[in-house]
Amino acid sequence: MKRGADVGRLRRVIAQNVRRLRKAQGFSQEGFADACGLHRTYIGAIERAERNVSVDNIERMADALGLEGWELLRSSAT
């Protein structure tokens, strides 16, 4: 496993994608959390890259955004 700067890189990619895509679709954090069936503070922690997100929750967020889960993992998700 790599250490240093690469640790958490994918977590940061997910955080950036979730925030950008949520805002682009006009969701508040609370509205997005409701659409995902998750708690607002959990969504905030994901967007700050503080939480290690499970595959199940990636799928829930992607569904709410109308995406496939893998799209949240791409460095340039649209």
C-alpha atoms as a PDB file:
ATOM      1  CA  MET A   1       0.000   0.000   0.000  1.00  0.00           C
ATOM      2  CA  LYS A   2       1.266   3.463  -0.844  1.00  0.00           C
ATOM      3  CA  ARG A   3       1.854   5.945   1.936  1.00  0.00           C
ATOM      4  CA  GLY A   4       2.006   9.723   2.020  1.00  0.00           C
ATOM      5  CA  ALA A   5       0.381  11.911  -0.615  1.00  0.00           C
ATOM      6  CA  ASP A   6      -1.468   9.036  -2.338  1.00  0.00           C
ATOM      7  CA  VAL A   7      -3.271   7.918   0.822  1.00  0.00           C
ATOM      8  CA  GLY A   8      -6.843   9.155   0.581  1.00  0.00           C
ATOM      9  CA  ARG A   9      -6.564  10.279  -3.059  1.00  0.00           C
ATOM     10  CA  LEU A  10      -9.656   8.333  -4.098  1.00  0.00           C
ATOM     11  CA  ARG A  11     -11.497   9.599  -1.028  1.00  0.00           C
ATOM     12  CA  ARG A  12     -10.744  13.165  -2.177  1.00  0.00           C
ATOM     13  CA  VAL A  13     -11.941  12.356  -5.716  1.00  0.00           C
ATOM     14  CA  ILE A  14     -15.243  11.052  -4.348  1.00  0.00           C
ATOM     15  CA  ALA A  15     -15.586  14.116  -2.099  1.00  0.00           C
ATOM     16  CA  GLN A  16     -15.037  16.544  -4.981  1.00  0.00           C
ATOM     17  CA  ASN A  17     -17.386  14.659  -7.296  1.00  0.00           C
ATOM     18  CA  VAL A  18     -20.198  14.369  -4.760  1.00  0.00           C
ATOM     19  CA  ARG A  19     -20.055  18.070  -3.886  1.00  0.00           C
ATOM     20  CA  ARG A  20     -19.806  19.241  -7.502  1.00  0.00           C
ATOM     21  CA  LEU A  21     -22.540  16.952  -8.816  1.00  0.00           C
ATOM     22  CA  ARG A  22     -24.870  17.579  -5.856  1.00  0.00           C
ATOM     23  CA  LYS A  23     -24.628  21.333  -6.387  1.00  0.00           C
ATOM     24  CA  ALA A  24     -24.996  21.010 -10.172  1.00  0.00           C
ATOM     25  CA  GLN A  25     -28.305  19.214  -9.634  1.00  0.00           C
ATOM     26  CA  GLY A  26     -29.500  21.853  -7.176  1.00  0.00           C
ATOM     27  CA  PHE A  27     -29.456  19.647  -4.079  1.00  0.00           C
ATOM     28  CA  SER A  28     -28.729  21.101  -0.666  1.00  0.00           C
ATOM     29  CA  GLN A  29     -26.757  18.745   1.562  1.00  0.00           C
ATOM     30  CA  GLU A  30     -29.950  18.016   3.480  1.00  0.00           C
ATOM     31  CA  GLY A  31     -32.013  17.392   0.350  1.00  0.00           C
ATOM     32  CA  PHE A  32     -29.318  15.162  -1.094  1.00  0.00           C
ATOM     33  CA  ALA A  33     -29.023  13.241   2.161  1.00  0.00           C
ATOM     34  CA  ASP A  34     -32.797  12.662   2.126  1.00  0.00           C
ATOM     35  CA  ALA A  35     -32.654  11.464  -1.488  1.00  0.00           C
ATOM     36  CA  CYS A  36     -29.868   9.024  -0.541  1.00  0.00           C
ATOM     37  CA  GLY A  37     -31.394   7.873   2.725  1.00  0.00           C
ATOM     38  CA  LEU A  38     -28.314   9.095   4.592  1.00  0.00           C
ATOM     39  CA  HIS A  39     -27.746  11.713   7.294  1.00  0.00           C
ATOM     40  CA  ARG A  40     -26.810  15.289   6.371  1.00  0.00           C
ATOM     41  CA  THR A  41     -23.753  15.317   8.629  1.00  0.00           C
ATOM     42  CA  TYR A  42     -22.531  12.124   6.952  1.00  0.00           C
ATOM     43  CA  ILE A  43     -22.825  13.769   3.513  1.00  0.00           C
ATOM     44  CA  GLY A  44     -20.885  16.781   4.835  1.00  0.00           C
ATOM     45  CA  ALA A  45     -18.145  14.490   6.155  1.00  0.00           C
ATOM     46  CA  ILE A  46     -17.948  12.720   2.780  1.00  0.00           C
ATOM     47  CA  GLU A  47     -17.626  16.055   0.979  1.00  0.00           C
ATOM     48  CA  ARG A  48     -14.780  17.042   3.319  1.00  0.00           C
ATOM     49  CA  ALA A  49     -13.105  13.650   2.642  1.00  0.00           C
ATOM     50  CA  GLU A  50     -13.349  12.775   6.335  1.00  0.00           C
ATOM     51  CA  ARG A  51     -15.252   9.518   5.834  1.00  0.00           C
ATOM     52  CA  ASN A  52     -14.244   6.304   4.137  1.00  0.00           C
ATOM     53  CA  VAL A  53     -17.390   5.636   2.100  1.00  0.00           C
ATOM     54  CA  SER A  54     -18.740   2.102   1.660  1.00  0.00           C
ATOM     55  CA  VAL A  55     -19.595   0.711  -1.748  1.00  0.00           C
ATOM     56  CA  ASP A  56     -23.254   0.560  -0.694  1.00  0.00           C
ATOM     57  CA  ASN A  57     -23.296   4.277   0.101  1.00  0.00           C
ATOM     58  CA  ILE A  58     -21.489   5.138  -3.126  1.00  0.00           C
ATOM     59  CA  GLU A  59     -24.301   3.313  -4.901  1.00  0.00           C
ATOM     60  CA  ARG A  60     -26.969   5.200  -2.922  1.00  0.00           C
ATOM     61  CA  MET A  61     -25.413   8.564  -3.757  1.00  0.00           C
ATOM     62  CA  ALA A  62     -24.953   7.655  -7.418  1.00  0.00           C
ATOM     63  CA  ASP A  63     -28.592   6.538  -7.659  1.00  0.00           C
ATOM     64  CA  ALA A  64     -29.755   9.852  -6.197  1.00  0.00           C
ATOM     65  CA  LEU A  65     -27.632  11.669  -8.796  1.00  0.00           C
ATOM     66  CA  GLY A  66     -28.796   9.452 -11.675  1.00  0.00           C
ATOM     67  CA  LEU A  67     -25.309   8.007 -12.202  1.00  0.00           C
ATOM     68  CA  GLU A  68     -23.536   4.681 -12.036  1.00  0.00           C
ATOM     69  CA  GLY A  69     -21.480   4.222  -8.873  1.00  0.00           C
ATOM     70  CA  TRP A  70     -18.176   4.022 -10.733  1.00  0.00           C
ATOM     71  CA  GLU A  71     -18.736   7.539 -12.061  1.00  0.00           C
ATOM     72  CA  LEU A  72     -18.174   8.968  -8.560  1.00  0.00           C
ATOM     73  CA  LEU A  73     -14.751   7.297  -8.534  1.00  0.00           C
ATOM     74  CA  ARG A  74     -13.488   8.918 -11.738  1.00  0.00           C
ATOM     75  CA  SER A  75     -11.128  11.831 -11.448  1.00  0.00           C
ATOM     76  CA  SER A  76     -13.208  13.698 -14.032  1.00  0.00           C
ATOM     77  CA  ALA A  77     -16.799  12.541 -13.351  1.00  0.00           C
ATOM     78  CA  THR A  78     -19.387  14.479 -15.305  1.00  0.00           C
END
